[in-house]
Amino acid sequence: MRVFRLDSEMLVTPHLAKLVGHDSPMPHLRHYQDDGLFDRFDYHASELWSNGRDGWAEEPKGRAESASSG
């Protein structure tokens, strides 16, 4: 999912199954009310960002060991 937020406006590209990015819709959302679609996408993107991990960081120890034993 891609989210581009500018103040009270947002462009969202939810990735849909079997579609590449340029085939996915990109709705233009505006914040009109609390807990509307804008706030829900904003919350979802914030959760993904805050719970993400560094893709360049060293892999967790258990995962690296299991990959080498197979």
Foldseek 3Di string as FASTA:
>chain_A
DDWDDDPQKIWDFDDDPPDDRVPTDIDIDGDDDPPDPSNVVVVVVVVCVVPDDDPPDDDPPVVVVVVVVD
